[in-house]
Protein backbone atom coordinates (compact mmCIF):
# COMPACT_ATOMS: atom_id res chain seq x y z
CA MET A 1 45.99 -31.25 9.21
CA LEU A 2 44.86 -27.97 10.70
CA ASN A 3 47.13 -28.01 13.74
CA HIS A 4 50.16 -29.11 11.75
CA ARG A 5 49.78 -26.81 8.76
CA ASN A 6 49.33 -23.58 10.62
CA GLY A 7 50.01 -23.11 14.31
CA SER A 8 48.66 -19.57 14.33
CA LEU A 9 45.46 -20.75 12.70
CA HIS A 10 45.06 -23.40 15.40
CA ALA A 11 45.52 -20.79 18.11
CA ALA A 12 42.99 -18.51 16.42
CA LEU A 13 40.52 -21.36 16.16
CA VAL A 14 40.87 -22.05 19.87
CA PHE A 15 40.19 -18.37 20.56
CA CYS A 16 37.14 -18.37 18.34
CA PHE A 17 35.74 -21.52 19.93
CA ALA A 18 36.24 -19.92 23.34
CA ALA A 19 34.01 -17.07 22.16
CA LEU A 20 31.32 -19.53 21.13
CA GLY A 21 29.49 -20.15 24.37
CA GLY A 22 27.29 -22.87 22.91
CA LEU A 23 30.12 -24.59 21.02
CA SER A 24 32.89 -24.85 23.60
CA GLY A 25 33.70 -27.34 26.34
CA GLN A 26 30.64 -28.99 27.74
CA GLY A 27 28.39 -27.63 24.98
CA LEU A 28 30.31 -29.60 22.36
CA ALA A 29 30.36 -32.71 24.46
CA GLN A 30 26.57 -32.65 24.74
CA SER A 31 26.01 -31.98 21.05
CA GLU A 32 25.77 -34.55 18.31
CA VAL A 33 29.06 -33.61 16.60
CA ALA A 34 32.67 -34.49 17.29
CA PRO A 35 34.55 -32.41 19.88
CA PHE A 36 37.10 -29.84 18.78
CA HIS A 37 40.16 -32.08 18.94
CA ALA A 38 38.51 -34.37 16.42
CA LEU A 39 37.85 -31.45 14.08
CA SER A 40 41.55 -30.68 13.88
CA GLY A 41 42.25 -34.16 12.58
CA ALA A 42 40.30 -34.01 9.34
CA LEU A 43 38.71 -31.20 7.35
CA PRO A 44 35.50 -33.10 6.55
CA GLY A 45 34.57 -32.90 10.22
CA LEU A 46 34.09 -29.17 9.88
CA GLN A 47 30.93 -29.56 7.85
CA TYR A 48 29.13 -31.01 10.88
CA ALA A 49 29.85 -28.10 13.22
CA GLN A 50 27.14 -25.87 11.82
CA ALA A 51 25.94 -24.02 14.87
CA SER A 52 23.14 -21.56 14.20
CA SER A 53 21.59 -18.90 16.37
CA THR A 54 18.27 -19.59 14.60
CA VAL A 55 18.48 -23.27 15.59
CA MET A 56 19.41 -22.25 19.13
CA GLU A 57 16.37 -19.98 19.48
CA VAL A 58 14.08 -22.66 17.99
CA GLN A 59 15.43 -25.17 20.52
CA ARG A 60 14.81 -22.76 23.42
CA GLU A 61 11.28 -21.93 22.31
CA LEU A 62 10.34 -25.56 21.64
CA ASN A 63 11.68 -26.67 25.02
CA GLN A 64 9.56 -23.99 26.72
CA LEU A 65 6.49 -25.25 24.84
CA GLY A 66 7.05 -28.78 26.09
CA TYR A 67 8.82 -30.28 23.08
CA ASN A 68 12.07 -32.02 23.92
CA ALA A 69 14.50 -30.39 21.48
CA GLY A 70 17.60 -31.21 23.54
CA SER A 71 20.26 -28.73 24.60
CA ALA A 72 19.89 -25.22 23.18
CA ASP A 73 23.32 -25.43 21.53
CA GLY A 74 22.42 -24.25 18.02
CA LEU A 75 23.24 -27.63 16.50
CA MET A 76 20.81 -29.67 14.42
CA GLY A 77 20.55 -33.27 15.61
CA ALA A 78 18.02 -36.07 15.62
CA ARG A 79 16.34 -34.85 18.82
CA THR A 80 15.98 -31.29 17.56
CA ARG A 81 14.69 -32.45 14.19
CA SER A 82 12.12 -34.74 15.81
CA ALA A 83 10.89 -31.92 18.05
CA ILE A 84 10.51 -29.60 15.05
CA GLN A 85 8.60 -32.25 13.12
CA ALA A 86 6.29 -32.86 16.09
CA TYR A 87 5.60 -29.12 16.40
CA GLN A 88 4.96 -28.82 12.66
CA ARG A 89 2.51 -31.74 12.73
CA ASP A 90 0.66 -30.33 15.74
CA SER A 91 0.49 -26.89 14.12
CA ASN A 92 -0.68 -28.16 10.70
CA LEU A 93 2.52 -26.92 9.06
CA HIS A 94 4.53 -28.53 6.29
CA VAL A 95 6.58 -31.21 8.05
CA ASP A 96 10.22 -30.98 6.96
CA GLY A 97 12.11 -30.82 10.27
CA GLN A 98 13.99 -27.68 9.19
CA ALA A 99 14.83 -24.83 11.57
CA THR A 100 14.07 -21.69 9.57
CA SER A 101 13.44 -18.08 10.49
CA SER A 102 9.75 -18.46 9.52
CA LEU A 103 9.43 -21.48 11.84
CA LEU A 104 11.04 -19.50 14.66
CA SER A 105 8.54 -16.68 14.12
CA HIS A 106 5.66 -19.19 14.23
CA VAL A 107 6.95 -20.81 17.42
CA ARG A 108 7.39 -17.43 19.11
CA THR A 109 3.85 -16.43 18.15
CA THR A 110 2.56 -19.67 19.66
CA ALA A 111 4.52 -19.05 22.85
CA ARG A 112 3.20 -15.48 23.17
CA SER A 113 -0.38 -16.64 22.68
CA GLY A 114 -0.09 -18.74 25.84
CA ALA A 115 -1.60 -21.74 24.05
CA PRO A 116 1.23 -24.17 23.34
CA THR A 117 0.41 -26.86 20.84
CA ALA A 118 2.86 -29.43 22.18
CA PRO A 119 1.62 -32.63 23.72
CA ALA A 120 2.65 -33.57 27.22
CA PRO A 121 6.19 -35.00 27.45
CA VAL A 122 4.81 -38.55 27.46
CA ALA A 123 3.53 -40.05 24.22
CA ALA A 124 0.15 -41.18 25.57
CA PRO A 125 -1.97 -38.11 24.64
CA GLN A 126 -0.92 -38.20 21.02
CA SER A 127 -1.40 -41.97 20.85
CA GLN A 128 -4.81 -41.60 22.50
CA GLN A 129 -5.84 -39.06 19.87
CA ILE A 130 -4.84 -41.44 17.08
CA ALA A 131 -6.71 -44.28 18.80
CA ASP A 132 -9.82 -42.07 19.08
CA ILE A 133 -9.59 -41.22 15.38
CA GLN A 134 -9.24 -44.87 14.49
CA SER A 135 -12.29 -45.71 16.59
CA ALA A 136 -14.26 -42.88 14.98
CA LEU A 137 -13.31 -44.08 11.51
CA ARG A 138 -14.45 -47.62 12.34
CA SER A 139 -17.78 -46.34 13.70
CA LEU A 140 -18.28 -44.42 10.46
CA GLY A 141 -17.79 -47.55 8.37
CA TYR A 142 -14.16 -47.18 7.36
CA ARG A 143 -11.86 -50.19 7.55
CA VAL A 144 -8.86 -49.22 9.63
CA ASP A 145 -6.39 -50.97 11.92
CA GLY A 146 -6.77 -50.69 15.64
CA PRO A 147 -7.66 -48.77 17.58
CA SER A 148 -3.93 -49.16 18.25
CA GLY A 149 -2.93 -45.53 18.77
CA VAL A 150 -0.19 -46.00 16.17
CA LEU A 151 -0.20 -43.83 13.08
CA THR A 152 0.47 -46.36 10.33
CA ASP A 153 0.47 -45.78 6.58
CA GLN A 154 -2.83 -47.63 6.44
CA THR A 155 -4.37 -45.23 8.98
CA ARG A 156 -3.05 -42.25 7.02
CA GLY A 157 -4.63 -43.61 3.85
CA VAL A 158 -8.01 -44.07 5.52
CA ILE A 159 -7.82 -40.54 6.96
CA ARG A 160 -7.22 -39.22 3.45
CA SER A 161 -10.22 -41.20 2.19
CA TYR A 162 -12.40 -39.68 4.90
CA GLU A 163 -11.11 -36.17 4.11
CA SER A 164 -11.81 -36.68 0.41
CA ASP A 165 -15.32 -38.04 1.07
CA HIS A 166 -16.21 -35.04 3.24
CA GLY A 167 -14.69 -32.28 1.14
CA LEU A 168 -11.72 -31.65 3.41
CA LEU A 169 -8.23 -30.82 2.22
CA MET A 170 -6.45 -34.18 2.13
CA SER A 171 -3.46 -34.40 4.48
CA GLY A 172 -3.60 -37.87 6.04
CA GLU A 173 -2.62 -36.30 9.37
CA PRO A 174 -4.47 -36.71 12.67
CA SER A 175 -5.61 -33.59 14.51
CA ALA A 176 -8.10 -32.47 17.13
CA GLU A 177 -10.09 -30.67 14.42
CA LEU A 178 -10.31 -33.87 12.36
CA LEU A 179 -11.49 -35.88 15.37
CA ARG A 180 -14.12 -33.25 16.17
CA HIS A 181 -15.38 -33.39 12.57
CA MET A 182 -15.66 -37.20 12.73
CA ARG A 183 -17.58 -37.11 15.99
CA GLN A 184 -19.99 -34.53 14.58
CA ARG A 185 -20.63 -36.72 11.54
CA ALA A 186 -21.20 -39.75 13.75
CA ALA A 187 -23.62 -37.79 15.97
CA ALA A 188 -25.51 -36.61 12.88
CA GLY A 189 -25.91 -40.18 11.72
CA SER A 190 -24.37 -39.48 8.31
CA PRO A 191 -21.28 -41.63 8.11
CA ALA A 192 -20.15 -41.16 4.53
CA PRO A 193 -21.93 -38.56 2.43
CA ALA A 194 -21.20 -38.20 -1.23
CA ALA A 195 -18.39 -35.83 -2.07
CA PRO A 196 -19.60 -32.27 -2.78
CA ALA A 197 -19.39 -30.78 -6.26
CA ALA A 198 -16.19 -28.95 -5.31
CA ASP A 199 -14.34 -30.21 -2.28
CA ALA A 200 -11.30 -28.54 -0.76
CA ASN A 201 -8.93 -30.40 -3.06
CA THR A 202 -10.82 -29.28 -6.15
CA VAL A 203 -10.84 -25.70 -4.87
CA ALA A 204 -7.09 -25.89 -4.21
CA ARG A 205 -6.44 -27.15 -7.76
CA ILE A 206 -8.66 -24.42 -9.21
CA GLN A 207 -6.75 -21.83 -7.20
CA THR A 208 -3.47 -23.23 -8.53
CA GLU A 209 -4.66 -23.06 -12.14
CA LEU A 210 -5.98 -19.52 -11.70
CA ARG A 211 -2.69 -18.38 -10.18
CA LEU A 212 -0.85 -19.88 -13.15
CA ARG A 213 -3.05 -17.80 -15.45
CA GLY A 214 -2.15 -14.61 -13.55
CA TYR A 215 -5.17 -14.14 -11.30
CA PRO A 216 -4.47 -12.37 -7.95
CA ILE A 217 -5.00 -15.28 -5.55
CA PRO A 218 -2.57 -14.83 -2.63
CA THR A 219 -2.49 -18.43 -1.35
CA VAL A 220 -3.62 -21.88 -2.42
CA SER A 221 -5.67 -22.75 0.66
CA GLY A 222 -8.41 -25.06 -0.59
CA GLN A 223 -10.95 -22.70 0.99
CA MET A 224 -13.31 -20.48 -0.96
CA ASP A 225 -12.67 -16.80 -0.30
CA ALA A 226 -13.52 -13.49 -1.94
CA GLN A 227 -10.41 -13.44 -4.15
CA THR A 228 -11.07 -16.96 -5.46
CA ARG A 229 -14.72 -16.23 -6.12
CA GLN A 230 -13.85 -13.01 -7.96
CA ALA A 231 -11.17 -14.76 -10.02
CA ILE A 232 -13.60 -17.52 -11.03
CA GLY A 233 -16.12 -14.87 -12.03
CA GLU A 234 -13.54 -13.03 -14.15
CA TYR A 235 -12.56 -16.27 -15.85
CA GLN A 236 -16.19 -17.12 -16.60
CA GLN A 237 -16.76 -13.63 -17.97
CA GLY A 238 -13.74 -14.04 -20.22
CA GLN A 239 -15.11 -17.32 -21.53
CA GLY A 240 -18.52 -15.78 -22.25
CA VAL A 241 -20.42 -18.15 -19.93
CA ALA A 242 -22.73 -17.50 -17.00
CA VAL A 243 -20.82 -15.81 -14.18
CA THR A 244 -21.46 -17.72 -10.95
CA GLY A 245 -18.11 -17.46 -9.17
CA GLU A 246 -18.59 -21.04 -7.99
CA PRO A 247 -15.99 -23.83 -8.19
CA SER A 248 -16.71 -27.18 -9.82
CA ALA A 249 -15.00 -30.21 -11.30
CA ALA A 250 -16.02 -29.02 -14.78
CA LEU A 251 -14.39 -25.64 -14.15
CA LEU A 252 -11.18 -27.36 -13.08
CA ALA A 253 -11.12 -29.47 -16.24
CA GLU A 254 -11.67 -26.36 -18.37
CA LEU A 255 -8.89 -24.47 -16.62
CA ARG A 256 -6.46 -27.35 -17.10
CA ALA A 257 -7.30 -27.49 -20.78
CA ALA A 258 -6.66 -23.74 -21.08
CA SER A 259 -3.33 -24.04 -19.26
CA ALA A 260 -2.25 -26.78 -21.64
CA GLU A 261 -2.76 -24.52 -24.68
CA THR A 262 0.55 -24.24 -26.48
CA ALA A 263 -0.32 -24.38 -30.18
CA PRO A 264 -0.49 -21.09 -32.12
CA VAL A 265 -3.88 -19.50 -32.66
CA ALA A 266 -4.63 -19.19 -36.36
CA GLU A 267 -1.45 -18.14 -38.17
CA TYR A 268 0.16 -16.39 -35.20
CA THR A 269 3.20 -17.69 -33.39
CA LEU A 270 3.62 -17.85 -29.63
CA ALA A 271 6.02 -14.91 -29.88
CA GLN A 272 3.52 -12.79 -31.80
CA ARG A 273 0.79 -13.45 -29.25
CA ALA A 274 3.21 -12.57 -26.44
CA ALA A 275 3.97 -9.31 -28.22
CA ALA A 276 0.25 -8.57 -28.45
CA GLN A 277 -0.15 -9.16 -24.72
CA ARG A 278 2.78 -6.91 -23.92
CA ILE A 279 1.48 -4.08 -26.13
CA LEU A 280 -1.99 -4.39 -24.62
CA ASN A 281 -0.48 -4.05 -21.15
CA GLU A 282 1.51 -0.99 -22.22
CA ARG A 283 -1.66 0.63 -23.57
CA GLY A 284 -3.52 0.13 -20.30
CA PHE A 285 -5.37 -3.10 -21.06
CA ASP A 286 -4.69 -5.76 -18.43
CA ALA A 287 -3.71 -8.77 -20.57
CA GLY A 288 -1.85 -10.57 -17.82
CA PRO A 289 1.59 -12.12 -18.15
CA PRO A 290 2.96 -11.87 -21.74
CA ASP A 291 3.43 -15.63 -22.13
CA GLY A 292 1.78 -16.11 -25.51
CA VAL A 293 -1.13 -18.12 -24.05
CA LEU A 294 -4.48 -16.38 -24.48
CA GLY A 295 -6.11 -17.00 -21.13
CA PRO A 296 -9.22 -15.25 -19.81
CA ARG A 297 -7.44 -12.02 -18.80
CA SER A 298 -5.88 -11.74 -22.25
CA ARG A 299 -9.19 -12.34 -24.00
CA ILE A 300 -10.97 -9.72 -21.88
CA ALA A 301 -8.18 -7.26 -22.72
CA ILE A 302 -8.51 -8.08 -26.43
CA ARG A 303 -12.29 -7.59 -26.30
CA ASN A 304 -11.90 -4.22 -24.54
CA PHE A 305 -9.26 -3.13 -27.06
CA GLN A 306 -11.46 -4.20 -29.96
CA ALA A 307 -14.50 -2.40 -28.53
CA ARG A 308 -12.41 0.74 -28.00
CA ASN A 309 -11.38 0.61 -31.67
CA LYS A 310 -14.91 -0.15 -32.93
CA ILE A 311 -14.24 -3.63 -34.28
CA ASP A 312 -16.08 -6.85 -33.48
CA PRO A 313 -15.11 -7.77 -29.85
CA THR A 314 -14.40 -11.46 -30.46
CA GLY A 315 -11.54 -11.79 -27.99
CA GLU A 316 -9.41 -13.31 -30.77
CA LEU A 317 -6.31 -11.86 -32.38
CA GLY A 318 -7.58 -11.17 -35.88
CA ALA A 319 -5.65 -9.45 -38.65
CA ARG A 320 -7.24 -6.03 -37.96
CA THR A 321 -6.51 -6.31 -34.22
CA MET A 322 -2.87 -7.19 -34.86
CA GLU A 323 -2.60 -4.30 -37.32
CA LEU A 324 -3.97 -1.83 -34.76
CA LEU A 325 -1.52 -3.19 -32.20
CA GLY A 326 1.30 -2.47 -34.65
CA ILE A 327 2.38 -6.09 -35.08
CA ASN A 328 3.59 -7.23 -38.48
CA ILE A 329 2.22 -10.76 -38.76
CA GLY A 330 4.73 -11.59 -41.49
CA THR A 331 7.62 -11.13 -39.09
CA ALA A 332 8.56 -13.18 -36.05
CA VAL A 333 8.31 -10.71 -33.20
CA ALA A 334 9.21 -10.77 -29.54
CA GLU A 335 11.83 -13.47 -30.13
CA GLN A 336 14.42 -10.69 -29.98
CA PRO A 337 14.41 -8.00 -27.29
CA GLU A 338 12.12 -5.09 -28.01
CA ALA A 339 13.99 -2.17 -29.61
CA THR A 340 13.37 1.42 -28.52
CA LYS A 341 13.61 4.56 -30.66
CA ASP A 342 17.09 5.43 -29.40
CA GLY A 343 18.56 2.06 -30.30
CA TYR A 344 18.30 0.34 -26.93
CA GLN A 345 16.69 -3.07 -26.72
CA LEU A 346 14.61 -4.10 -23.75
CA ARG A 347 16.07 -7.01 -21.82
CA VAL A 348 13.78 -7.12 -18.81
CA ARG A 349 11.12 -5.00 -17.13
CA ASP A 350 9.33 -5.58 -13.83
CA ASN A 351 7.13 -3.30 -11.76
CA PHE A 352 5.73 -6.14 -9.60
CA LYS A 353 2.13 -5.12 -10.26
CA ASP A 354 1.22 -8.76 -10.75
CA GLY A 355 2.22 -9.43 -7.13
CA ASP A 356 4.52 -12.27 -8.17
CA TYR A 357 8.30 -12.13 -8.46
CA THR A 358 8.69 -15.81 -9.38
CA ARG A 359 7.49 -15.49 -12.99
CA ASN A 360 7.26 -12.95 -15.81
CA PRO A 361 10.09 -12.27 -15.14
CA ALA A 362 11.36 -14.97 -12.78
CA TRP A 363 13.63 -13.69 -10.02
CA ARG A 364 15.92 -16.25 -8.41
CA VAL A 365 16.47 -15.91 -4.66
CA VAL A 366 19.91 -17.00 -3.47
CA SER A 367 19.55 -16.08 0.20
CA GLY A 368 17.19 -14.28 2.55
CA ASN A 369 13.46 -13.67 2.16
CA PHE A 370 11.74 -11.53 -0.46
CA GLU A 371 8.08 -10.59 -0.84
CA VAL A 372 6.03 -8.28 -3.02
CA ARG A 373 4.68 -5.63 -0.68
CA ASN A 374 3.82 -1.92 -0.93
CA GLY A 375 4.20 -1.98 -4.69
CA GLY A 376 7.63 -3.54 -4.92
CA LEU A 377 10.05 -6.35 -4.13
CA ARG A 378 10.92 -5.99 -0.45
CA SER A 379 13.60 -7.58 1.72
CA VAL A 380 14.60 -6.93 5.32
CA ILE A 381 17.96 -7.78 6.89
CA ASN A 382 18.45 -6.94 10.57
CA ALA A 383 21.70 -5.74 12.09
CA PRO A 384 24.12 -8.57 12.96
CA SER A 385 23.86 -9.88 16.49
CA GLN A 386 26.52 -8.64 18.90
CA ARG A 387 26.21 -11.49 21.38
CA SER A 388 29.57 -13.01 22.19
CA GLU A 389 28.68 -16.46 20.85
CA ASP A 390 27.45 -15.00 17.56
CA VAL A 391 30.47 -12.73 17.20
CA GLY A 392 32.72 -15.71 17.87
CA ARG A 393 30.87 -17.79 15.31
CA ARG A 394 31.29 -15.11 12.64
CA MET A 395 34.97 -14.74 13.51
CA LEU A 396 35.48 -18.49 13.16
CA ASN A 397 33.62 -18.63 9.87
CA ASP A 398 35.56 -15.67 8.46
CA LEU A 399 38.85 -17.21 9.57
CA LEU A 400 38.09 -20.59 8.00
CA LYS A 401 36.98 -18.99 4.74
CA GLU A 402 40.13 -16.85 4.60
CA GLN A 403 42.63 -19.59 5.48
CA LEU A 404 41.04 -22.73 4.06
CA GLY A 405 38.15 -21.72 1.83
CA VAL A 406 35.73 -23.60 4.14
CA ASN A 407 32.33 -22.10 4.95
CA MET A 408 30.76 -23.47 8.13
CA GLY A 409 27.42 -21.85 7.35
CA GLY A 410 24.79 -21.46 10.06
CA GLY A 411 23.94 -18.31 11.97
CA GLU A 412 21.63 -15.53 10.89
CA GLU A 413 21.61 -14.75 7.17
CA SER A 414 23.78 -11.68 6.63
CA ALA A 415 22.31 -10.73 3.25
CA ALA A 416 19.26 -11.18 1.05
CA ALA A 417 20.23 -11.71 -2.58
CA ALA A 418 18.08 -12.10 -5.70
CA HIS A 419 18.93 -11.92 -9.37
CA LEU A 420 17.46 -11.98 -12.87
CA PRO A 421 19.60 -13.98 -15.31
CA THR A 422 19.71 -12.20 -18.70
CA ARG A 423 22.49 -11.18 -21.04
CA ILE A 424 23.42 -7.49 -20.67
CA THR A 425 26.03 -5.93 -22.94
CA GLN A 426 28.49 -3.31 -21.73
CA GLN A 427 26.42 -0.57 -23.39
CA PHE A 428 23.45 -0.54 -21.06
CA ARG A 429 20.76 1.65 -19.55
CA ILE A 430 19.34 0.50 -16.21
CA THR A 431 16.40 2.27 -14.56
CA VAL A 432 15.57 1.47 -10.94
CA ALA A 433 13.04 2.91 -8.49
CA LEU A 434 14.06 2.34 -4.86
CA SER A 435 12.85 3.12 -1.39
CA GLY A 436 14.32 2.23 1.97
CA THR A 437 15.25 3.37 5.42
CA ALA A 438 18.57 4.94 6.33
CA ALA A 439 18.98 2.69 9.37
CA ALA A 440 22.27 2.20 11.12
CA ASN A 441 23.00 -1.00 9.23
CA SER A 442 21.66 -0.03 5.77
CA HIS A 443 23.70 -1.43 2.88
CA LEU A 444 22.45 -2.01 -0.65
CA ASP A 445 24.40 -3.36 -3.64
CA LEU A 446 22.86 -3.66 -7.11
CA GLY A 447 23.78 -3.80 -10.78
CA PRO A 448 24.74 -6.12 -13.66
CA TYR A 449 26.83 -9.04 -12.43
CA GLN A 450 29.62 -11.01 -14.10
CA GLY A 451 29.64 -14.81 -14.37
CA ASP A 452 28.28 -16.54 -11.27
CA ARG A 453 29.42 -13.86 -8.79
CA LEU A 454 26.39 -11.77 -7.98
CA ASN A 455 28.50 -8.95 -6.51
CA HIS A 456 31.10 -8.78 -9.31
CA GLY A 457 30.85 -6.25 -12.14
CA TYR A 458 29.79 -2.61 -12.23
CA ARG A 459 27.76 -1.97 -9.08
CA LEU A 460 25.88 0.84 -7.34
CA ILE A 461 26.36 0.79 -3.56
CA TYR A 462 24.61 2.75 -0.82
CA ARG A 463 25.91 2.45 2.76
CA ALA A 464 24.60 4.01 5.95
CA ASP A 465 28.13 4.46 7.33
CA GLN A 466 28.72 6.86 4.42
CA PRO A 467 25.40 8.74 4.59
CA GLY A 468 24.12 10.79 1.70
CA MET A 469 26.45 9.20 -0.87
CA LEU A 470 25.95 6.76 -3.71
CA HIS A 471 29.03 4.93 -5.00
CA LEU A 472 29.72 3.50 -8.45
CA VAL A 473 32.26 0.69 -8.17
CA VAL A 474 33.87 -2.05 -10.24
CA ALA A 475 34.31 -5.34 -8.37
CA ASP A 476 36.22 -8.43 -9.50
CA GLN A 477 38.64 -11.03 -8.17
CA SER A 478 41.24 -8.36 -7.41
CA GLY A 479 38.89 -6.34 -5.19
CA THR A 480 36.48 -3.41 -5.30
CA THR A 481 37.39 0.02 -6.69
CA VAL A 482 35.25 3.14 -6.37
CA ILE A 483 35.19 4.90 -9.74
CA GLY A 484 32.66 7.59 -8.90
CA SER A 485 30.44 8.95 -6.11
CA GLY A 486 27.59 11.39 -5.84
CA PRO A 487 25.10 12.82 -3.33
CA PHE A 488 22.05 10.65 -2.77
CA ARG A 489 19.51 10.32 0.05
CA ILE A 490 17.22 7.32 0.09
CA ASP A 491 14.96 8.45 2.94
CA ARG A 492 13.27 11.42 1.29
CA GLY A 493 9.88 9.79 1.02
CA GLY A 494 8.59 7.79 -1.91
CA PRO A 495 10.63 5.75 -4.37
CA GLN A 496 13.81 7.35 -5.71
CA LYS A 497 14.26 6.77 -9.45
CA LEU A 498 17.77 6.36 -10.86
CA VAL A 499 18.86 6.02 -14.50
CA TRP A 500 22.30 4.47 -14.99
CA GLN A 501 23.88 4.46 -18.45
CA ARG A 502 27.17 3.13 -19.82
CA HIS A 503 28.31 4.42 -23.22
CA PRO A 504 30.60 2.80 -25.83
CA ASP A 505 33.63 4.80 -24.63
CA GLY A 506 33.26 3.50 -21.05
CA ARG A 507 31.65 6.68 -19.72
CA MET A 508 28.97 6.04 -17.11
CA THR A 509 26.38 8.43 -15.74
CA VAL A 510 23.90 7.98 -12.91
CA SER A 511 21.01 10.47 -12.91
CA ARG A 512 17.99 11.27 -10.80
CA ASN A 513 15.18 13.37 -12.27
CA GLY A 514 17.47 14.40 -15.14
CA ARG A 515 20.22 15.60 -12.80
CA VAL A 516 23.54 13.79 -13.12
CA LEU A 517 24.77 12.50 -9.73
CA ILE A 518 27.78 10.49 -10.95
CA ASP A 519 29.85 10.94 -14.12
CA ALA A 520 32.84 8.61 -14.44
CA VAL A 521 34.82 6.58 -16.99
CA ASP A 522 36.00 2.97 -16.65
CA ARG A 523 36.98 0.46 -19.36
CA LYS A 524 38.06 -2.42 -17.12
CA LEU A 525 35.20 -4.76 -18.03
CA ASP A 526 34.65 -5.78 -21.65
CA THR A 527 32.48 -8.89 -21.35
CA ASP A 528 28.71 -9.12 -21.24
CA ALA A 529 27.04 -9.35 -17.84
CA ALA A 530 25.12 -12.50 -16.90
CA GLY A 531 22.18 -10.67 -15.34
CA PHE A 532 21.02 -8.10 -12.79
CA SER A 533 21.34 -8.70 -9.05
CA LEU A 534 20.03 -7.01 -5.92
CA ILE A 535 21.87 -7.62 -2.63
CA ASN A 536 20.48 -6.34 0.67
CA ALA A 537 23.35 -6.51 3.17
CA GLY A 538 21.43 -4.61 5.83
CA GLY A 539 18.24 -2.64 6.20
CA ASP A 540 14.70 -2.51 4.82
CA TRP A 541 14.75 -2.05 1.03
CA THR A 542 12.10 -2.15 -1.70
CA LEU A 543 12.71 -2.29 -5.45
CA HIS A 544 9.62 -0.77 -7.05
CA GLU A 545 10.64 -0.99 -10.69
CA LEU A 546 13.47 -2.34 -12.82
CA ILE A 547 14.07 -1.72 -16.52
CA VAL A 548 17.20 -3.17 -18.14
CA GLU A 549 18.05 -2.09 -21.70
CA ASP A 550 21.21 -2.48 -23.76
CA ARG A 551 22.73 -2.19 -27.21
CA GLY A 552 24.23 -5.19 -28.99
């Protein structure tokens, strides 16, 4: 029991709750969780008291837009979730009822535009819209219940049928735009035309397949745009067919067949084909992701390479092409990491030129938001809020984690963390190119991590409260120890490239442009790292390139 086990902890908890304006006294009584005295009776009750400043701001904004989200107390309950879902439906967003930072940004944008999307507090307008849609569907020859004004599963199914028949992206959701489309069709006297050659769903599936093959399509929207048309044209060129840039059901079927290709071509293994793609990329031919599947980008790259070397440009990996690429077809290649001339083997390399951090290689995001922008992997973490309720919430969370190992969660994310799982031995060479801003809250932590602790292992740390210095540390269960420091400024314009090496004797050097910034020795860690991690604990940071090499 909290109040029996530790009287000082109980007193501290009371103090922290007093600092939480939205979680004390009347605020707790109005929320959908147990009051404080109930929390002290059983630890499981703590998991429900997840107050969040993001949730609080979403509640405030939704209430101002006319959605009834309940008290702005930062606590997720049925009323808040229903209001979020209503807003998401009205705004044509994915309906999940979650209060996220991206949702908050969307709601704020709606509020600033002065055009709230919420219905009036009463349910009649929304019901009337559904009834109008049901009536329109019936007038167009569709069999639907009503008009009852109730959105049933049957009505959703008929809406999807209408959307499919008219080349719209199928959602099954009512909207003013959908109703307007139905009324226009009714006025035109064309109730149910045949589906076009490529409706929005076909376009969306084509976009998905093209993205999987490495084409630069930013979003799967179901709408034809310049990027989609160009990607289709490039694919058709790679297949040696007429280049139209137009979507079709036949194109979709062909793309799906190409994506399903897994068998080796001729006598070459998947690994050998992946090696060919990688070498083509290194030599300036854009072969796309080195996945061993010869899609259109790979075949165009092969043709260009063959033409450059005056051999028949077939787009296939023949014996002469493999020989010129330096691949021994009698040996399984690319199954093991690529070896360099100085004995290092390549574990992972990413310069984000493909615009995608989720594959080839696949970064895993643990917290925060990441995006590929300005030629690198970017994350932004703002300074922690200093409002009394947020300070109190952090104090309470820190206290519970320290005394009981309980994490309440909630609140603004304090760090953005991403990692690449890959074995890294203790003889490594890591090259990173970084840019960022030396803001008041800047804090970056990166390096090979141990086990499942992304911040344990040998790490490079840059902090704004120690300006102009880069620290090399070793972090484990016993704490963090600085083993070397050197001068480093991140805000000198353009990416700063660092090369970090660890030698067999435990000596580590960190260099920039051939100049050694840090030279230190540590032999504390003797186990392989589980991968490379990047932790943004404050500021605006971009990783432009990462190369991880090691020796077995």
